[in-house]
Amino acid sequence: MNRLAQAVVMLLFGGAIIKATLTDMFLRYVKEGLRPLLLVAGGLLIAAAVMTIWYDLRAPSAAAEQDDGHGHGHGHHEPRVGWLLLLPVLALLLIAPPALGSYAAGQAGAVVVNPALDSDYPPLPAGDPAPISLLDYASRSIYDSGKSLTGRQLKLTGFVTPGPDGRPMLARMVLTCCAADGRPIKIGLAGDTQIDAAPDSWVEVVGVYSQQVGKDPVNKADVAYLEVRSWQQITEPKQPYA
C-alpha cells in the first residue's frame, strides 16, 4: 500500500474517531472521560493525513522522473489487499456495535465492590424511589449490611442476564478503561415479583434492600440481592456502562 493510500486510510480513520466521539458512539468502546483525548487523536490523524496527501500531490512521482530521463517507465503496482484496511474504518463509520450484554456478564466474574472509607456512606439521593447505581447498591448492601438502604424504596437500572439458577439477575458492565476490560456488576432479584423480560433487555427495577447474599459461580464474589416490588422495560441508556 503506497503512502497516498495510507494517508487516505488515516484520514478516514481520523474522521471515524471524530464522528464516533461527537455522536456518543464512542461510549460503546471506552469510558466517557476519554472524549477529549479521542477528539485530539482524531484531529491529529486527520491533520497528518492531509499533510501527507498535500505533499504527495505536490511532489513529482518516481515514475514521472524515470519517464523524463529514459523515455519509459515501469509501473510499480502496490498490492490491492492493502485496501482491505478500509473495511474496519468503514464499519466504524457506518455500524454502531451493541454494548456488552448478558453473554459477557455470564462469562466474567462479578466486580468485587469496595467499601466506602470507614464505611461512611453518604445519604441516598432524594426521591421515592431513590435512584442508585448497581455498584453503590452492592457496596452498601454487602459492606454496610444495608444500614443506609433500610426503609427506602430504591430504583436500579440495568440489563437482564440469566443467573446460575436460571432466574434473571440485573447487571451492568463496569469499564476500567475500555470495553475490552469490561466486568459485570450483578444484582440478584428476590421477592415474589417475577421479571419476565428477555436477556439483554434493559429494565428499571424498584425494590427494597434484601439481606440475601449469593456467590458468583465464576469468581465466588459476593452478590447482593434486591427484593423487587415493581419493574418496567426501558430503552438502552445512552451510557450503557457503569
Protein backbone atom coordinates (compact mmCIF):
# COMPACT_ATOMS: atom_id res chain seq x y z
CA MET A 1 0.00 0.00 0.00
CA ASN A 2 1.62 3.30 -1.08
CA ARG A 3 1.91 6.38 1.08
CA LEU A 4 -1.03 8.17 -0.54
CA ALA A 5 -3.32 5.22 0.07
CA GLN A 6 -2.13 5.01 3.67
CA ALA A 7 -2.93 8.69 4.09
CA VAL A 8 -6.48 8.13 2.80
CA VAL A 9 -6.99 5.31 5.29
CA MET A 10 -5.60 7.51 8.07
CA LEU A 11 -7.90 10.36 7.03
CA LEU A 12 -10.96 8.12 7.12
CA PHE A 13 -9.90 6.60 10.44
CA GLY A 14 -9.45 10.03 11.99
CA GLY A 15 -12.85 11.06 10.64
CA ALA A 16 -14.42 7.90 12.05
CA ILE A 17 -12.98 8.66 15.50
CA ILE A 18 -14.32 12.23 15.39
CA LYS A 19 -17.75 11.07 14.21
CA ALA A 20 -17.98 8.35 16.87
CA THR A 21 -16.96 10.82 19.59
CA LEU A 22 -19.38 13.55 18.57
CA THR A 23 -22.32 11.15 18.20
CA ASP A 24 -21.66 9.30 21.50
CA MET A 25 -20.97 6.06 19.60
CA PHE A 26 -17.59 6.01 21.35
CA LEU A 27 -19.39 5.15 24.60
CA ARG A 28 -19.71 1.59 23.23
CA TYR A 29 -15.91 1.31 23.31
CA VAL A 30 -14.43 3.46 26.11
CA LYS A 31 -15.36 5.49 29.18
CA GLU A 32 -16.94 8.90 28.76
CA GLY A 33 -13.98 10.67 30.35
CA LEU A 34 -11.81 9.78 27.34
CA ARG A 35 -13.84 12.00 24.98
CA PRO A 36 -11.28 14.88 24.91
CA LEU A 37 -8.38 12.53 24.18
CA LEU A 38 -10.30 10.87 21.35
CA LEU A 39 -11.09 14.24 19.77
CA VAL A 40 -7.41 15.20 19.94
CA ALA A 41 -6.31 11.84 18.50
CA GLY A 42 -8.82 12.06 15.65
CA GLY A 43 -7.76 15.62 14.87
CA LEU A 44 -4.08 14.67 14.77
CA LEU A 45 -4.77 11.75 12.44
CA ILE A 46 -6.71 14.00 10.06
CA ALA A 47 -4.00 16.68 10.14
CA ALA A 48 -1.24 14.13 9.45
CA ALA A 49 -3.25 12.58 6.61
CA VAL A 50 -3.96 15.96 4.97
CA MET A 51 -0.28 16.93 5.14
CA THR A 52 0.77 13.60 3.61
CA ILE A 53 -1.76 13.91 0.77
CA TRP A 54 -0.72 17.52 0.10
CA TYR A 55 2.96 16.52 -0.01
CA ASP A 56 2.36 13.57 -2.34
CA LEU A 57 0.27 15.62 -4.76
CA ARG A 58 2.97 18.29 -4.97
CA ALA A 59 5.99 16.03 -5.23
CA PRO A 60 6.80 14.52 -8.65
CA SER A 61 6.34 10.77 -8.75
CA ALA A 62 9.28 8.48 -9.23
CA ALA A 63 7.64 7.09 -12.35
CA ALA A 64 7.41 10.53 -13.94
CA GLU A 65 11.08 11.22 -13.23
CA GLN A 66 12.04 7.90 -14.81
CA ASP A 67 9.98 8.67 -17.91
CA ASP A 68 11.69 12.05 -18.32
CA GLY A 69 15.16 10.54 -18.04
CA HIS A 70 14.78 7.32 -20.04
CA GLY A 71 11.67 7.70 -22.15
CA HIS A 72 9.90 4.83 -20.49
CA GLY A 73 8.96 3.67 -17.05
CA HIS A 74 7.93 0.59 -15.23
CA GLY A 75 4.80 0.98 -13.12
CA HIS A 76 5.06 -0.23 -9.57
CA HIS A 77 1.82 -1.91 -8.58
CA GLU A 78 1.07 -1.94 -4.86
CA PRO A 79 -0.79 -4.98 -3.53
CA ARG A 80 -4.51 -4.26 -3.60
CA VAL A 81 -5.07 -6.30 -0.47
CA GLY A 82 -3.87 -3.26 1.48
CA TRP A 83 -7.14 -1.52 0.71
CA LEU A 84 -8.87 -4.10 2.91
CA LEU A 85 -7.70 -1.89 5.77
CA LEU A 86 -10.60 0.37 4.79
CA LEU A 87 -13.16 -2.22 5.88
CA PRO A 88 -12.82 -1.77 9.68
CA VAL A 89 -12.77 2.01 9.19
CA LEU A 90 -15.97 1.91 7.15
CA ALA A 91 -17.52 -0.38 9.76
CA LEU A 92 -16.70 2.17 12.45
CA LEU A 93 -18.29 4.90 10.35
CA LEU A 94 -21.45 3.03 9.42
CA ILE A 95 -22.21 0.46 12.13
CA ALA A 96 -22.89 1.04 15.82
CA PRO A 97 -21.87 -2.13 17.69
CA PRO A 98 -24.07 -3.38 20.53
CA ALA A 99 -22.90 -2.79 24.07
CA LEU A 100 -21.57 -5.75 26.05
CA GLY A 101 -24.52 -7.66 27.44
CA SER A 102 -25.69 -10.83 29.12
CA TYR A 103 -23.27 -13.17 27.35
CA ALA A 104 -20.25 -11.16 28.52
CA ALA A 105 -21.77 -10.89 32.00
CA GLY A 106 -22.22 -14.65 32.21
CA GLN A 107 -18.66 -15.39 31.16
CA ALA A 108 -16.93 -13.00 33.57
CA GLY A 109 -16.87 -12.93 37.34
CA ALA A 110 -18.69 -10.12 39.12
CA VAL A 111 -16.82 -7.00 40.13
CA VAL A 112 -15.60 -7.17 43.71
CA VAL A 113 -17.07 -3.99 45.15
CA ASN A 114 -15.11 -1.88 47.60
CA PRO A 115 -16.49 -0.46 50.82
CA ALA A 116 -16.63 3.26 51.42
CA LEU A 117 -13.82 4.68 53.54
CA ASP A 118 -14.55 3.78 57.18
CA SER A 119 -17.97 2.56 55.99
CA ASP A 120 -19.07 6.21 55.85
CA TYR A 121 -21.77 6.09 53.21
CA PRO A 122 -23.41 9.39 52.24
CA PRO A 123 -27.20 9.73 52.39
CA LEU A 124 -29.15 8.24 49.49
CA PRO A 125 -30.40 10.59 46.77
CA ALA A 126 -33.70 12.30 47.41
CA GLY A 127 -36.87 10.89 45.93
CA ASP A 128 -39.09 7.89 46.31
CA PRO A 129 -37.84 5.60 44.95
CA ALA A 130 -34.23 6.76 45.31
CA PRO A 131 -32.14 6.18 42.16
CA ILE A 132 -28.95 4.30 42.93
CA SER A 133 -26.29 2.63 40.81
CA LEU A 134 -25.73 -1.11 40.92
CA LEU A 135 -22.20 -0.59 42.23
CA ASP A 136 -23.38 1.68 45.03
CA TYR A 137 -26.20 -0.68 45.98
CA ALA A 138 -23.86 -3.69 46.08
CA SER A 139 -21.30 -1.86 48.22
CA ARG A 140 -23.90 -0.58 50.71
CA SER A 141 -25.62 -3.95 50.83
CA ILE A 142 -22.55 -6.13 51.38
CA TYR A 143 -20.18 -3.93 53.37
CA ASP A 144 -22.67 -1.83 55.31
CA SER A 145 -25.22 -4.62 55.86
CA GLY A 146 -27.84 -2.45 54.21
CA LYS A 147 -27.88 0.11 57.06
CA SER A 148 -28.04 3.07 54.66
CA LEU A 149 -30.63 1.28 52.49
CA THR A 150 -33.16 0.13 55.06
CA GLY A 151 -36.53 1.85 54.96
CA ARG A 152 -36.12 3.29 51.47
CA GLN A 153 -37.50 2.26 48.10
CA LEU A 154 -34.70 2.03 45.55
CA LYS A 155 -34.58 2.28 41.77
CA LEU A 156 -31.88 0.36 39.88
CA THR A 157 -31.29 0.27 36.13
CA GLY A 158 -29.52 -2.46 34.19
CA PHE A 159 -29.95 -5.28 31.70
CA VAL A 160 -31.34 -8.72 32.37
CA THR A 161 -28.90 -11.62 32.49
CA PRO A 162 -29.61 -15.25 33.48
CA GLY A 163 -28.36 -16.21 36.92
CA PRO A 164 -26.69 -19.53 37.81
CA ASP A 165 -30.06 -20.88 38.97
CA GLY A 166 -31.80 -19.77 35.78
CA ARG A 167 -33.56 -16.84 37.45
CA PRO A 168 -32.94 -13.39 35.98
CA MET A 169 -30.40 -11.05 37.52
CA LEU A 170 -29.79 -7.35 37.00
CA ALA A 171 -26.38 -6.45 35.57
CA ARG A 172 -24.31 -3.66 34.16
CA MET A 173 -20.80 -3.75 32.72
CA VAL A 174 -18.11 -1.78 34.54
CA LEU A 175 -15.22 -0.37 32.49
CA THR A 176 -11.79 0.44 33.83
CA CYS A 177 -10.77 1.98 30.52
CA CYS A 178 -12.44 0.35 27.54
CA ALA A 179 -14.87 -2.40 26.58
CA ALA A 180 -12.03 -4.93 26.41
CA ASP A 181 -11.63 -4.82 30.21
CA GLY A 182 -15.37 -4.76 30.96
CA ARG A 183 -16.50 -6.68 34.06
CA PRO A 184 -20.09 -7.12 35.25
CA ILE A 185 -21.69 -5.93 38.43
CA LYS A 186 -24.57 -8.30 39.16
CA ILE A 187 -27.54 -7.90 41.50
CA GLY A 188 -29.75 -10.86 42.37
CA LEU A 189 -33.51 -10.36 42.29
CA ALA A 190 -35.57 -11.67 45.20
CA GLY A 191 -39.24 -11.50 46.11
CA ASP A 192 -42.46 -12.67 44.51
CA THR A 193 -42.42 -10.19 41.62
CA GLN A 194 -41.03 -12.01 38.59
CA ILE A 195 -39.16 -10.21 35.82
CA ASP A 196 -40.01 -11.98 32.58
CA ALA A 197 -38.02 -9.76 30.20
CA ALA A 198 -35.65 -11.48 27.78
CA PRO A 199 -31.88 -11.49 28.39
CA ASP A 200 -30.20 -8.23 27.33
CA SER A 201 -33.45 -6.29 27.85
CA TRP A 202 -32.92 -3.08 29.80
CA VAL A 203 -35.19 -2.70 32.80
CA GLU A 204 -35.81 -0.26 35.60
CA VAL A 205 -36.41 -2.12 38.87
CA VAL A 206 -37.95 -0.68 42.04
CA GLY A 207 -37.44 -2.60 45.26
CA VAL A 208 -36.08 -2.63 48.79
CA TYR A 209 -32.96 -3.96 50.46
CA SER A 210 -32.74 -7.74 50.84
CA GLN A 211 -30.49 -9.48 53.35
CA GLN A 212 -29.92 -12.30 50.89
CA VAL A 213 -26.36 -12.58 49.57
CA GLY A 214 -25.25 -15.01 46.89
CA LYS A 215 -21.99 -16.07 45.27
CA ASP A 216 -20.95 -15.56 41.69
CA PRO A 217 -20.09 -19.04 40.35
CA VAL A 218 -17.32 -17.64 38.15
CA ASN A 219 -15.11 -15.95 40.77
CA LYS A 220 -17.01 -16.56 44.06
CA ALA A 221 -17.56 -12.83 44.60
CA ASP A 222 -20.43 -11.82 46.88
CA VAL A 223 -23.61 -10.88 45.02
CA ALA A 224 -26.12 -8.55 46.68
CA TYR A 225 -29.86 -9.08 46.24
CA LEU A 226 -32.76 -6.68 45.85
CA GLU A 227 -36.35 -7.51 46.82
CA VAL A 228 -38.31 -6.48 43.73
CA ARG A 229 -41.56 -4.58 44.13
CA SER A 230 -42.11 -3.48 40.52
CA TRP A 231 -40.27 -3.20 37.22
CA GLN A 232 -40.63 -1.87 33.70
CA GLN A 233 -38.74 -2.37 30.46
CA ILE A 234 -36.89 0.69 29.12
CA THR A 235 -34.74 1.60 26.16
CA GLU A 236 -30.99 1.18 26.49
CA PRO A 237 -29.46 4.31 28.08
CA LYS A 238 -27.03 6.50 26.17
CA GLN A 239 -24.26 5.39 28.54
CA PRO A 240 -24.74 1.61 28.92
CA TYR A 241 -21.64 1.08 31.06
CA ALA A 242 -21.14 1.84 34.74
